[in-house]
Amino acid sequence: MSKFFKSIIDIKKDEISFSLIMSAYFFLVITTFWILKPLKKVAFVGFYKEKGFDLFSWHFGAADAELLAKVANMVVAFVAVMVLPRLRHDSSHSYLHSRVLVQGLHQVYVSGHTCTYLPC
């Protein structure tokens, strides 16, 4: 059995601590995501429950607005996957990281000021 695992996972002794740290980091990120996801959903649906969401001439209820937000999130992720590698080749790494960090902090700031159903 040990031979089977060694053939799949070839980790040297000096890489064990780094691998454990990476695994713990991945676990914490995924766990945080799954804890925050239902809270975000409740806050989003609660915010649009009464008045809904108007987009041009269309009116969306709370559940429909959430589905629209999911589709918009996928579009933004797709654009990021297409654009960020090109930015990486066009500029230095530190400049790219600072741009992404500033935009991310701006989104946190904006979303923190619109949160009314959860303590922000």
PDB file of N, CA and C in Angstrom:
ATOM      1  N   MET A   1       0.824  -1.191   0.000  1.00  0.00           N
ATOM      2  CA  MET A   1       0.000   0.000   0.000  1.00  0.00           C
ATOM      3  C   MET A   1       0.865   1.251   0.000  1.00  0.00           C
ATOM      4  N   SER A   2       1.907   1.245   0.771  1.00  0.00           N
ATOM      5  CA  SER A   2       2.826   2.372   0.830  1.00  0.00           C
ATOM      6  C   SER A   2       3.487   2.621  -0.525  1.00  0.00           C
ATOM      7  N   LYS A   3       3.796   1.552  -1.223  1.00  0.00           N
ATOM      8  CA  LYS A   3       4.407   1.667  -2.550  1.00  0.00           C
ATOM      9  C   LYS A   3       3.436   2.326  -3.531  1.00  0.00           C
ATOM     10  N   PHE A   4       2.143   2.007  -3.388  1.00  0.00           N
ATOM     11  CA  PHE A   4       1.124   2.588  -4.247  1.00  0.00           C
ATOM     12  C   PHE A   4       1.058   4.108  -4.060  1.00  0.00           C
ATOM     13  N   PHE A   5       1.018   4.566  -2.794  1.00  0.00           N
ATOM     14  CA  PHE A   5       0.961   6.006  -2.525  1.00  0.00           C
ATOM     15  C   PHE A   5       2.227   6.723  -2.967  1.00  0.00           C
ATOM     16  N   LYS A   6       3.356   6.088  -2.798  1.00  0.00           N
ATOM     17  CA  LYS A   6       4.611   6.713  -3.223  1.00  0.00           C
ATOM     18  C   LYS A   6       4.675   6.874  -4.730  1.00  0.00           C
ATOM     19  N   SER A   7       4.036   5.960  -5.465  1.00  0.00           N
ATOM     20  CA  SER A   7       4.032   6.092  -6.921  1.00  0.00           C
ATOM     21  C   SER A   7       3.115   7.240  -7.375  1.00  0.00           C
ATOM     22  N   ILE A   8       2.093   7.537  -6.587  1.00  0.00           N
ATOM     23  CA  ILE A   8       1.177   8.631  -6.929  1.00  0.00           C
ATOM     24  C   ILE A   8       1.704   9.969  -6.408  1.00  0.00           C
ATOM     25  N   ILE A   9       2.130   9.970  -5.170  1.00  0.00           N
ATOM     26  CA  ILE A   9       2.577  11.200  -4.514  1.00  0.00           C
ATOM     27  C   ILE A   9       4.067  11.101  -4.262  1.00  0.00           C
ATOM     28  N   ASP A  10       4.835  11.746  -5.090  1.00  0.00           N
ATOM     29  CA  ASP A  10       6.289  11.714  -4.956  1.00  0.00           C
ATOM     30  C   ASP A  10       6.743  12.989  -4.254  1.00  0.00           C
ATOM     31  N   ILE A  11       6.696  12.965  -2.916  1.00  0.00           N
ATOM     32  CA  ILE A  11       7.086  14.131  -2.116  1.00  0.00           C
ATOM     33  C   ILE A  11       8.376  13.799  -1.384  1.00  0.00           C
ATOM     34  N   LYS A  12       9.363  14.642  -1.571  1.00  0.00           N
ATOM     35  CA  LYS A  12      10.636  14.466  -0.878  1.00  0.00           C
ATOM     36  C   LYS A  12      10.503  14.963   0.557  1.00  0.00           C
ATOM     37  N   LYS A  13      11.394  14.529   1.416  1.00  0.00           N
ATOM     38  CA  LYS A  13      11.283  14.888   2.831  1.00  0.00           C
ATOM     39  C   LYS A  13      11.340  16.387   3.071  1.00  0.00           C
ATOM     40  N   ASP A  14      12.140  17.113   2.296  1.00  0.00           N
ATOM     41  CA  ASP A  14      12.229  18.558   2.502  1.00  0.00           C
ATOM     42  C   ASP A  14      11.018  19.299   1.919  1.00  0.00           C
ATOM     43  N   GLU A  15      10.138  18.600   1.199  1.00  0.00           N
ATOM     44  CA  GLU A  15       8.942  19.221   0.629  1.00  0.00           C
ATOM     45  C   GLU A  15       7.688  18.939   1.450  1.00  0.00           C
ATOM     46  N   ILE A  16       7.788  18.114   2.472  1.00  0.00           N
ATOM     47  CA  ILE A  16       6.606  17.708   3.237  1.00  0.00           C
ATOM     48  C   ILE A  16       5.968  18.891   3.944  1.00  0.00           C
ATOM     49  N   SER A  17       6.753  19.716   4.627  1.00  0.00           N
ATOM     50  CA  SER A  17       6.168  20.842   5.363  1.00  0.00           C
ATOM     51  C   SER A  17       5.509  21.836   4.409  1.00  0.00           C
ATOM     52  N   PHE A  18       6.151  22.101   3.284  1.00  0.00           N
ATOM     53  CA  PHE A  18       5.568  23.021   2.303  1.00  0.00           C
ATOM     54  C   PHE A  18       4.262  22.450   1.740  1.00  0.00           C
ATOM     55  N   SER A  19       4.223  21.154   1.477  1.00  0.00           N
ATOM     56  CA  SER A  19       3.011  20.513   0.967  1.00  0.00           C
ATOM     57  C   SER A  19       1.885  20.565   1.986  1.00  0.00           C
ATOM     58  N   LEU A  20       2.207  20.370   3.243  1.00  0.00           N
ATOM     59  CA  LEU A  20       1.183  20.455   4.288  1.00  0.00           C
ATOM     60  C   LEU A  20       0.638  21.874   4.422  1.00  0.00           C
ATOM     61  N   ILE A  21       1.525  22.867   4.331  1.00  0.00           N
ATOM     62  CA  ILE A  21       1.081  24.254   4.397  1.00  0.00           C
ATOM     63  C   ILE A  21       0.185  24.592   3.211  1.00  0.00           C
ATOM     64  N   MET A  22       0.557  24.144   2.025  1.00  0.00           N
ATOM     65  CA  MET A  22      -0.276  24.384   0.838  1.00  0.00           C
ATOM     66  C   MET A  22      -1.627  23.698   0.979  1.00  0.00           C
ATOM     67  N   SER A  23      -1.649  22.497   1.494  1.00  0.00           N
ATOM     68  CA  SER A  23      -2.903  21.774   1.682  1.00  0.00           C
ATOM     69  C   SER A  23      -3.782  22.466   2.714  1.00  0.00           C
ATOM     70  N   ALA A  24      -3.178  22.924   3.791  1.00  0.00           N
ATOM     71  CA  ALA A  24      -3.943  23.640   4.816  1.00  0.00           C
ATOM     72  C   ALA A  24      -4.500  24.954   4.268  1.00  0.00           C
ATOM     73  N   TYR A  25      -3.712  25.654   3.469  1.00  0.00           N
ATOM     74  CA  TYR A  25      -4.176  26.897   2.855  1.00  0.00           C
ATOM     75  C   TYR A  25      -5.366  26.630   1.937  1.00  0.00           C
ATOM     76  N   PHE A  26      -5.264  25.609   1.091  1.00  0.00           N
ATOM     77  CA  PHE A  26      -6.362  25.253   0.200  1.00  0.00           C
ATOM     78  C   PHE A  26      -7.604  24.894   1.003  1.00  0.00           C
ATOM     79  N   PHE A  27      -7.435  24.106   2.059  1.00  0.00           N
ATOM     80  CA  PHE A  27      -8.563  23.721   2.911  1.00  0.00           C
ATOM     81  C   PHE A  27      -9.235  24.944   3.518  1.00  0.00           C
ATOM     82  N   LEU A  28      -8.437  25.891   4.024  1.00  0.00           N
ATOM     83  CA  LEU A  28      -9.010  27.089   4.644  1.00  0.00           C
ATOM     84  C   LEU A  28      -9.737  27.971   3.631  1.00  0.00           C
ATOM     85  N   VAL A  29      -9.189  28.097   2.447  1.00  0.00           N
ATOM     86  CA  VAL A  29      -9.851  28.910   1.412  1.00  0.00           C
ATOM     87  C   VAL A  29     -11.188  28.283   1.026  1.00  0.00           C
ATOM     88  N   ILE A  30     -11.204  26.993   0.773  1.00  0.00           N
ATOM     89  CA  ILE A  30     -12.444  26.318   0.371  1.00  0.00           C
ATOM     90  C   ILE A  30     -13.454  26.332   1.515  1.00  0.00           C
ATOM     91  N   THR A  31     -13.009  26.103   2.735  1.00  0.00           N
ATOM     92  CA  THR A  31     -13.913  26.132   3.881  1.00  0.00           C
ATOM     93  C   THR A  31     -14.527  27.517   4.060  1.00  0.00           C
ATOM     94  N   THR A  32     -13.707  28.552   3.941  1.00  0.00           N
ATOM     95  CA  THR A  32     -14.211  29.922   4.050  1.00  0.00           C
ATOM     96  C   THR A  32     -15.229  30.207   2.949  1.00  0.00           C
ATOM     97  N   PHE A  33     -14.934  29.758   1.742  1.00  0.00           N
ATOM     98  CA  PHE A  33     -15.869  29.951   0.640  1.00  0.00           C
ATOM     99  C   PHE A  33     -17.215  29.309   0.946  1.00  0.00           C
ATOM    100  N   TRP A  34     -17.207  28.076   1.421  1.00  0.00           N
ATOM    101  CA  TRP A  34     -18.462  27.376   1.667  1.00  0.00           C
ATOM    102  C   TRP A  34     -19.198  27.920   2.889  1.00  0.00           C
ATOM    103  N   ILE A  35     -18.510  28.577   3.799  1.00  0.00           N
ATOM    104  CA  ILE A  35     -19.182  29.224   4.932  1.00  0.00           C
ATOM    105  C   ILE A  35     -19.803  30.543   4.491  1.00  0.00           C
ATOM    106  N   LEU A  36     -19.078  31.314   3.689  1.00  0.00           N
ATOM    107  CA  LEU A  36     -19.563  32.639   3.286  1.00  0.00           C
ATOM    108  C   LEU A  36     -20.601  32.583   2.164  1.00  0.00           C
ATOM    109  N   LYS A  37     -20.596  31.537   1.374  1.00  0.00           N
ATOM    110  CA  LYS A  37     -21.508  31.455   0.232  1.00  0.00           C
ATOM    111  C   LYS A  37     -22.978  31.545   0.650  1.00  0.00           C
ATOM    112  N   PRO A  38     -23.461  30.765   1.625  1.00  0.00           N
ATOM    113  CA  PRO A  38     -24.869  30.906   2.009  1.00  0.00           C
ATOM    114  C   PRO A  38     -25.174  32.260   2.646  1.00  0.00           C
ATOM    115  N   LEU A  39     -24.216  32.827   3.364  1.00  0.00           N
ATOM    116  CA  LEU A  39     -24.438  34.151   3.955  1.00  0.00           C
ATOM    117  C   LEU A  39     -24.599  35.207   2.870  1.00  0.00           C
ATOM    118  N   LYS A  40     -23.786  35.109   1.830  1.00  0.00           N
ATOM    119  CA  LYS A  40     -23.887  36.037   0.705  1.00  0.00           C
ATOM    120  C   LYS A  40     -25.231  35.878   0.008  1.00  0.00           C
ATOM    121  N   LYS A  41     -25.659  34.645  -0.147  1.00  0.00           N
ATOM    122  CA  LYS A  41     -26.925  34.380  -0.829  1.00  0.00           C
ATOM    123  C   LYS A  41     -28.094  34.962  -0.037  1.00  0.00           C
ATOM    124  N   VAL A  42     -28.093  34.776   1.258  1.00  0.00           N
ATOM    125  CA  VAL A  42     -29.158  35.323   2.109  1.00  0.00           C
ATOM    126  C   VAL A  42     -29.167  36.846   2.037  1.00  0.00           C
ATOM    127  N   ALA A  43     -27.999  37.452   2.091  1.00  0.00           N
ATOM    128  CA  ALA A  43     -27.918  38.914   2.031  1.00  0.00           C
ATOM    129  C   ALA A  43     -28.396  39.435   0.678  1.00  0.00           C
ATOM    130  N   PHE A  44     -28.012  38.765  -0.386  1.00  0.00           N
ATOM    131  CA  PHE A  44     -28.386  39.192  -1.740  1.00  0.00           C
ATOM    132  C   PHE A  44     -29.892  39.068  -1.942  1.00  0.00           C
ATOM    133  N   VAL A  45     -30.441  37.900  -1.625  1.00  0.00           N
ATOM    134  CA  VAL A  45     -31.879  37.687  -1.808  1.00  0.00           C
ATOM    135  C   VAL A  45     -32.667  38.591  -0.875  1.00  0.00           C
ATOM    136  N   GLY A  46     -32.190  38.773   0.348  1.00  0.00           N
ATOM    137  CA  GLY A  46     -32.871  39.669   1.284  1.00  0.00           C
ATOM    138  C   GLY A  46     -32.894  41.105   0.815  1.00  0.00           C
ATOM    139  N   PHE A  47     -31.823  41.545   0.165  1.00  0.00           N
ATOM    140  CA  PHE A  47     -31.747  42.923  -0.311  1.00  0.00           C
ATOM    141  C   PHE A  47     -32.741  43.165  -1.444  1.00  0.00           C
ATOM    142  N   TYR A  48     -32.895  42.201  -2.352  1.00  0.00           N
ATOM    143  CA  TYR A  48     -33.771  42.370  -3.510  1.00  0.00           C
ATOM    144  C   TYR A  48     -35.152  41.742  -3.326  1.00  0.00           C
ATOM    145  N   LYS A  49     -35.453  41.234  -2.139  1.00  0.00           N
ATOM    146  CA  LYS A  49     -36.724  40.549  -1.905  1.00  0.00           C
ATOM    147  C   LYS A  49     -37.923  41.484  -2.071  1.00  0.00           C
ATOM    148  N   GLU A  50     -37.832  42.667  -1.529  1.00  0.00           N
ATOM    149  CA  GLU A  50     -38.966  43.591  -1.531  1.00  0.00           C
ATOM    150  C   GLU A  50     -39.165  44.265  -2.888  1.00  0.00           C
ATOM    151  N   LYS A  51     -38.116  44.881  -3.396  1.00  0.00           N
ATOM    152  CA  LYS A  51     -38.281  45.718  -4.583  1.00  0.00           C
ATOM    153  C   LYS A  51     -37.835  45.056  -5.880  1.00  0.00           C
ATOM    154  N   GLY A  52     -37.100  43.960  -5.799  1.00  0.00           N
ATOM    155  CA  GLY A  52     -36.610  43.312  -7.009  1.00  0.00           C
ATOM    156  C   GLY A  52     -35.444  44.092  -7.609  1.00  0.00           C
ATOM    157  N   PHE A  53     -35.150  43.776  -8.851  1.00  0.00           N
ATOM    158  CA  PHE A  53     -34.018  44.396  -9.540  1.00  0.00           C
ATOM    159  C   PHE A  53     -34.446  44.741 -10.957  1.00  0.00           C
ATOM    160  N   ASP A  54     -34.268  45.995 -11.344  1.00  0.00           N
ATOM    161  CA  ASP A  54     -34.615  46.448 -12.683  1.00  0.00           C
ATOM    162  C   ASP A  54     -33.351  46.599 -13.517  1.00  0.00           C
ATOM    163  N   LEU A  55     -33.369  45.980 -14.679  1.00  0.00           N
ATOM    164  CA  LEU A  55     -32.268  46.091 -15.633  1.00  0.00           C
ATOM    165  C   LEU A  55     -32.882  46.481 -16.966  1.00  0.00           C
ATOM    166  N   PHE A  56     -32.659  47.727 -17.315  1.00  0.00           N
ATOM    167  CA  PHE A  56     -33.269  48.305 -18.514  1.00  0.00           C
ATOM    168  C   PHE A  56     -34.785  48.152 -18.404  1.00  0.00           C
ATOM    169  N   SER A  57     -35.417  47.415 -19.286  1.00  0.00           N
ATOM    170  CA  SER A  57     -36.876  47.277 -19.232  1.00  0.00           C
ATOM    171  C   SER A  57     -37.321  45.997 -18.530  1.00  0.00           C
ATOM    172  N   TRP A  58     -36.384  45.191 -18.062  1.00  0.00           N
ATOM    173  CA  TRP A  58     -36.720  43.933 -17.406  1.00  0.00           C
ATOM    174  C   TRP A  58     -36.753  44.114 -15.894  1.00  0.00           C
ATOM    175  N   HIS A  59     -37.664  43.392 -15.254  1.00  0.00           N
ATOM    176  CA  HIS A  59     -37.736  43.383 -13.800  1.00  0.00           C
ATOM    177  C   HIS A  59     -37.462  41.957 -13.317  1.00  0.00           C
ATOM    178  N   PHE A  60     -36.523  41.824 -12.410  1.00  0.00           N
ATOM    179  CA  PHE A  60     -36.153  40.523 -11.861  1.00  0.00           C
ATOM    180  C   PHE A  60     -36.542  40.468 -10.391  1.00  0.00           C
ATOM    181  N   GLY A  61     -37.112  39.313  -9.981  1.00  0.00           N
ATOM    182  CA  GLY A  61     -37.329  39.075  -8.562  1.00  0.00           C
ATOM    183  C   GLY A  61     -36.003  38.739  -7.898  1.00  0.00           C
ATOM    184  N   ALA A  62     -36.050  38.481  -6.614  1.00  0.00           N
ATOM    185  CA  ALA A  62     -34.816  38.228  -5.864  1.00  0.00           C
ATOM    186  C   ALA A  62     -34.075  36.994  -6.382  1.00  0.00           C
ATOM    187  N   ALA A  63     -34.801  35.894  -6.605  1.00  0.00           N
ATOM    188  CA  ALA A  63     -34.149  34.661  -7.066  1.00  0.00           C
ATOM    189  C   ALA A  63     -33.605  34.828  -8.486  1.00  0.00           C
ATOM    190  N   ASP A  64     -34.369  35.509  -9.332  1.00  0.00           N
ATOM    191  CA  ASP A  64     -33.896  35.746 -10.701  1.00  0.00           C
ATOM    192  C   ASP A  64     -32.686  36.672 -10.719  1.00  0.00           C
ATOM    193  N   ALA A  65     -32.686  37.664  -9.835  1.00  0.00           N
ATOM    194  CA  ALA A  65     -31.538  38.577  -9.754  1.00  0.00           C
ATOM    195  C   ALA A  65     -30.294  37.820  -9.312  1.00  0.00           C
ATOM    196  N   GLU A  66     -30.467  36.834  -8.438  1.00  0.00           N
ATOM    197  CA  GLU A  66     -29.315  36.035  -8.013  1.00  0.00           C
ATOM    198  C   GLU A  66     -28.766  35.218  -9.180  1.00  0.00           C
ATOM    199  N   LEU A  67     -29.656  34.638  -9.978  1.00  0.00           N
ATOM    200  CA  LEU A  67     -29.208  33.880 -11.152  1.00  0.00           C
ATOM    201  C   LEU A  67     -28.514  34.798 -12.153  1.00  0.00           C
ATOM    202  N   LEU A  68     -29.032  35.990 -12.335  1.00  0.00           N
ATOM    203  CA  LEU A  68     -28.390  36.961 -13.222  1.00  0.00           C
ATOM    204  C   LEU A  68     -27.000  37.326 -12.704  1.00  0.00           C
ATOM    205  N   ALA A  69     -26.890  37.481 -11.383  1.00  0.00           N
ATOM    206  CA  ALA A  69     -25.589  37.800 -10.783  1.00  0.00           C
ATOM    207  C   ALA A  69     -24.597  36.650 -10.994  1.00  0.00           C
ATOM    208  N   LYS A  70     -25.073  35.413 -10.923  1.00  0.00           N
ATOM    209  CA  LYS A  70     -24.189  34.268 -11.163  1.00  0.00           C
ATOM    210  C   LYS A  70     -23.675  34.268 -12.595  1.00  0.00           C
ATOM    211  N   VAL A  71     -24.559  34.547 -13.548  1.00  0.00           N
ATOM    212  CA  VAL A  71     -24.138  34.592 -14.947  1.00  0.00           C
ATOM    213  C   VAL A  71     -23.143  35.734 -15.165  1.00  0.00           C
ATOM    214  N   ALA A  72     -23.436  36.901 -14.567  1.00  0.00           N
ATOM    215  CA  ALA A  72     -22.520  38.038 -14.686  1.00  0.00           C
ATOM    216  C   ALA A  72     -21.165  37.705 -14.062  1.00  0.00           C
ATOM    217  N   ASN A  73     -21.173  36.971 -12.955  1.00  0.00           N
ATOM    218  CA  ASN A  73     -19.934  36.564 -12.306  1.00  0.00           C
ATOM    219  C   ASN A  73     -19.123  35.641 -13.217  1.00  0.00           C
ATOM    220  N   MET A  74     -19.804  34.737 -13.922  1.00  0.00           N
ATOM    221  CA  MET A  74     -19.102  33.852 -14.857  1.00  0.00           C
ATOM    222  C   MET A  74     -18.514  34.647 -16.022  1.00  0.00           C
ATOM    223  N   VAL A  75     -19.236  35.651 -16.487  1.00  0.00           N
ATOM    224  CA  VAL A  75     -18.724  36.485 -17.583  1.00  0.00           C
ATOM    225  C   VAL A  75     -17.483  37.245 -17.122  1.00  0.00           C
ATOM    226  N   VAL A  76     -17.542  37.815 -15.919  1.00  0.00           N
ATOM    227  CA  VAL A  76     -16.390  38.544 -15.385  1.00  0.00           C
ATOM    228  C   VAL A  76     -15.201  37.604 -15.203  1.00  0.00           C
ATOM    229  N   ALA A  77     -15.441  36.403 -14.707  1.00  0.00           N
ATOM    230  CA  ALA A  77     -14.350  35.433 -14.539  1.00  0.00           C
ATOM    231  C   ALA A  77     -13.745  35.057 -15.888  1.00  0.00           C
ATOM    232  N   PHE A  78     -14.594  34.870 -16.898  1.00  0.00           N
ATOM    233  CA  PHE A  78     -14.088  34.538 -18.230  1.00  0.00           C
ATOM    234  C   PHE A  78     -13.231  35.673 -18.786  1.00  0.00           C
ATOM    235  N   VAL A  79     -13.703  36.896 -18.630  1.00  0.00           N
ATOM    236  CA  VAL A  79     -12.932  38.053 -19.105  1.00  0.00           C
ATOM    237  C   VAL A  79     -11.605  38.139 -18.357  1.00  0.00           C
ATOM    238  N   ALA A  80     -11.627  37.892 -17.046  1.00  0.00           N
ATOM    239  CA  ALA A  80     -10.395  37.940 -16.264  1.00  0.00           C
ATOM    240  C   ALA A  80      -9.412  36.878 -16.735  1.00  0.00           C
ATOM    241  N   VAL A  81      -9.914  35.685 -17.053  1.00  0.00           N
ATOM    242  CA  VAL A  81      -9.041  34.620 -17.538  1.00  0.00           C
ATOM    243  C   VAL A  81      -8.427  34.999 -18.884  1.00  0.00           C
ATOM    244  N   MET A  82      -9.163  35.714 -19.695  1.00  0.00           N
ATOM    245  CA  MET A  82      -8.652  36.117 -21.004  1.00  0.00           C
ATOM    246  C   MET A  82      -7.713  37.329 -20.918  1.00  0.00           C
ATOM    247  N   VAL A  83      -8.005  38.270 -20.013  1.00  0.00           N
ATOM    248  CA  VAL A  83      -7.271  39.541 -19.974  1.00  0.00           C
ATOM    249  C   VAL A  83      -6.026  39.475 -19.093  1.00  0.00           C
ATOM    250  N   LEU A  84      -6.115  38.857 -17.922  1.00  0.00           N
ATOM    251  CA  LEU A  84      -4.993  38.893 -16.974  1.00  0.00           C
ATOM    252  C   LEU A  84      -3.696  38.291 -17.521  1.00  0.00           C
ATOM    253  N   PRO A  85      -3.732  37.180 -18.242  1.00  0.00           N
ATOM    254  CA  PRO A  85      -2.462  36.697 -18.805  1.00  0.00           C
ATOM    255  C   PRO A  85      -1.837  37.677 -19.801  1.00  0.00           C
ATOM    256  N   ARG A  86      -2.676  38.379 -20.550  1.00  0.00           N
ATOM    257  CA  ARG A  86      -2.149  39.371 -21.490  1.00  0.00           C
ATOM    258  C   ARG A  86      -1.531  40.551 -20.737  1.00  0.00           C
ATOM    259  N   LEU A  87      -2.153  40.957 -19.636  1.00  0.00           N
ATOM    260  CA  LEU A  87      -1.586  42.043 -18.827  1.00  0.00           C
ATOM    261  C   LEU A  87      -0.246  41.622 -18.232  1.00  0.00           C
ATOM    262  N   ARG A  88      -0.149  40.364 -17.882  1.00  0.00           N
ATOM    263  CA  ARG A  88       1.088  39.870 -17.290  1.00  0.00           C
ATOM    264  C   ARG A  88       2.242  39.993 -18.277  1.00  0.00           C
ATOM    265  N   HIS A  89       1.987  39.733 -19.536  1.00  0.00           N
ATOM    266  CA  HIS A  89       3.045  39.828 -20.538  1.00  0.00           C
ATOM    267  C   HIS A  89       3.347  41.277 -20.904  1.00  0.00           C
ATOM    268  N   ASP A  90       2.362  42.153 -20.719  1.00  0.00           N
ATOM    269  CA  ASP A  90       2.548  43.560 -21.080  1.00  0.00           C
ATOM    270  C   ASP A  90       3.201  44.384 -19.980  1.00  0.00           C
ATOM    271  N   SER A  91       3.131  43.946 -18.753  1.00  0.00           N
ATOM    272  CA  SER A  91       3.657  44.758 -17.646  1.00  0.00           C
ATOM    273  C   SER A  91       4.411  43.886 -16.661  1.00  0.00           C
ATOM    274  N   SER A  92       5.025  44.550 -15.699  1.00  0.00           N
ATOM    275  CA  SER A  92       5.781  43.800 -14.697  1.00  0.00           C
ATOM    276  C   SER A  92       4.818  43.124 -13.723  1.00  0.00           C
ATOM    277  N   HIS A  93       5.300  42.103 -13.042  1.00  0.00           N
ATOM    278  CA  HIS A  93       4.455  41.365 -12.108  1.00  0.00           C
ATOM    279  C   HIS A  93       3.976  42.251 -10.969  1.00  0.00           C
ATOM    280  N   SER A  94       4.847  43.069 -10.422  1.00  0.00           N
ATOM    281  CA  SER A  94       4.453  43.891  -9.275  1.00  0.00           C
ATOM    282  C   SER A  94       3.391  44.904  -9.668  1.00  0.00           C
ATOM    283  N   TYR A  95       3.497  45.449 -10.873  1.00  0.00           N
ATOM    284  CA  TYR A  95       2.488  46.402 -11.334  1.00  0.00           C
ATOM    285  C   TYR A  95       1.141  45.709 -11.496  1.00  0.00           C
ATOM    286  N   LEU A  96       1.138  44.498 -12.074  1.00  0.00           N
ATOM    287  CA  LEU A  96      -0.096  43.751 -12.253  1.00  0.00           C
ATOM    288  C   LEU A  96      -0.715  43.403 -10.907  1.00  0.00           C
ATOM    289  N   HIS A  97       0.100  42.925  -9.970  1.00  0.00           N
ATOM    290  CA  HIS A  97      -0.428  42.567  -8.659  1.00  0.00           C
ATOM    291  C   HIS A  97      -0.997  43.786  -7.956  1.00  0.00           C
ATOM    292  N   SER A  98      -0.359  44.926  -8.070  1.00  0.00           N
ATOM    293  CA  SER A  98      -0.881  46.124  -7.418  1.00  0.00           C
ATOM    294  C   SER A  98      -2.183  46.569  -8.061  1.00  0.00           C
ATOM    295  N   ARG A  99      -2.314  46.444  -9.373  1.00  0.00           N
ATOM    296  CA  ARG A  99      -3.566  46.805 -10.037  1.00  0.00           C
ATOM    297  C   ARG A  99      -4.705  45.897  -9.590  1.00  0.00           C
ATOM    298  N   VAL A 100      -4.451  44.598  -9.542  1.00  0.00           N
ATOM    299  CA  VAL A 100      -5.476  43.655  -9.124  1.00  0.00           C
ATOM    300  C   VAL A 100      -5.833  43.886  -7.656  1.00  0.00           C
ATOM    301  N   LEU A 101      -4.840  44.146  -6.812  1.00  0.00           N
ATOM    302  CA  LEU A 101      -5.094  44.398  -5.402  1.00  0.00           C
ATOM    303  C   LEU A 101      -5.935  45.647  -5.203  1.00  0.00           C
ATOM    304  N   VAL A 102      -5.606  46.715  -5.884  1.00  0.00           N
ATOM    305  CA  VAL A 102      -6.368  47.962  -5.737  1.00  0.00           C
ATOM    306  C   VAL A 102      -7.804  47.768  -6.219  1.00  0.00           C
ATOM    307  N   GLN A 103      -7.991  47.084  -7.338  1.00  0.00           N
ATOM    308  CA  GLN A 103      -9.349  46.839  -7.822  1.00  0.00           C
ATOM    309  C   GLN A 103     -10.124  45.939  -6.863  1.00  0.00           C
ATOM    310  N   GLY A 104      -9.475  44.945  -6.312  1.00  0.00           N
ATOM    311  CA  GLY A 104     -10.133  44.073  -5.342  1.00  0.00           C
ATOM    312  C   GLY A 104     -10.521  44.808  -4.078  1.00  0.00           C
ATOM    313  N   LEU A 105      -9.625  45.661  -3.566  1.00  0.00           N
ATOM    314  CA  LEU A 105      -9.946  46.446  -2.377  1.00  0.00           C
ATOM    315  C   LEU A 105     -11.088  47.422  -2.647  1.00  0.00           C
ATOM    316  N   HIS A 106     -11.114  47.971  -3.850  1.00  0.00           N
ATOM    317  CA  HIS A 106     -12.217  48.860  -4.215  1.00  0.00           C
ATOM    318  C   HIS A 106     -13.545  48.101  -4.198  1.00  0.00           C
ATOM    319  N   GLN A 107     -13.561  46.877  -4.720  1.00  0.00           N
ATOM    320  CA  GLN A 107     -14.789  46.086  -4.724  1.00  0.00           C
ATOM    321  C   GLN A 107     -15.235  45.752  -3.303  1.00  0.00           C
ATOM    322  N   VAL A 108     -14.286  45.436  -2.432  1.00  0.00           N
ATOM    323  CA  VAL A 108     -14.632  45.159  -1.035  1.00  0.00           C
ATOM    324  C   VAL A 108     -15.205  46.412  -0.386  1.00  0.00           C
ATOM    325  N   TYR A 109     -14.617  47.572  -0.670  1.00  0.00           N
ATOM    326  CA  TYR A 109     -15.100  48.831  -0.116  1.00  0.00           C
ATOM    327  C   TYR A 109     -16.515  49.119  -0.603  1.00  0.00           C
ATOM    328  N   VAL A 110     -16.752  48.965  -1.891  1.00  0.00           N
ATOM    329  CA  VAL A 110     -18.073  49.245  -2.459  1.00  0.00           C
ATOM    330  C   VAL A 110     -19.099  48.258  -1.921  1.00  0.00           C
ATOM    331  N   SER A 111     -18.763  46.972  -1.892  1.00  0.00           N
ATOM    332  CA  SER A 111     -19.726  45.981  -1.402  1.00  0.00           C
ATOM    333  C   SER A 111     -19.971  46.122   0.093  1.00  0.00           C
ATOM    334  N   GLY A 112     -18.987  46.589   0.826  1.00  0.00           N
ATOM    335  CA  GLY A 112     -19.172  46.792   2.267  1.00  0.00           C
ATOM    336  C   GLY A 112     -20.130  47.920   2.588  1.00  0.00           C
ATOM    337  N   HIS A 113     -20.252  48.879   1.688  1.00  0.00           N
ATOM    338  CA  HIS A 113     -21.158  49.990   1.913  1.00  0.00           C
ATOM    339  C   HIS A 113     -22.567  49.722   1.430  1.00  0.00           C
ATOM    340  N   THR A 114     -22.793  48.622   0.726  1.00  0.00           N
ATOM    341  CA  THR A 114     -24.130  48.285   0.280  1.00  0.00           C
ATOM    342  C   THR A 114     -24.734  47.160   1.096  1.00  0.00           C
ATOM    343  N   CYS A 115     -23.983  46.601   2.012  1.00  0.00           N
ATOM    344  CA  CYS A 115     -24.457  45.474   2.817  1.00  0.00           C
ATOM    345  C   CYS A 115     -25.377  45.974   3.931  1.00  0.00           C
ATOM    346  N   THR A 116     -26.620  45.512   3.929  1.00  0.00           N
ATOM    347  CA  THR A 116     -27.549  45.961   4.960  1.00  0.00           C
ATOM    348  C   THR A 116     -28.102  44.812   5.800  1.00  0.00           C
ATOM    349  N   TYR A 117     -27.975  43.575   5.343  1.00  0.00           N
ATOM    350  CA  TYR A 117     -28.568  42.449   6.045  1.00  0.00           C
ATOM    351  C   TYR A 117     -27.578  41.650   6.882  1.00  0.00           C
ATOM    352  N   LEU A 118     -26.310  41.917   6.726  1.00  0.00           N
ATOM    353  CA  LEU A 118     -25.285  41.274   7.531  1.00  0.00           C
ATOM    354  C   LEU A 118     -24.451  42.352   8.200  1.00  0.00           C
ATOM    355  N   PRO A 119     -23.896  42.086   9.376  1.00  0.00           N
ATOM    356  CA  PRO A 119     -23.018  43.094   9.983  1.00  0.00           C
ATOM    357  C   PRO A 119     -21.772  43.293   9.141  1.00  0.00           C
ATOM    358  N   CYS A 120     -21.588  44.505   8.658  1.00  0.00           N
ATOM    359  CA  CYS A 120     -20.438  44.803   7.779  1.00  0.00           C
ATOM    360  C   CYS A 120     -19.467  45.721   8.467  1.00  0.00           C
TER     361      CYS A 120
END
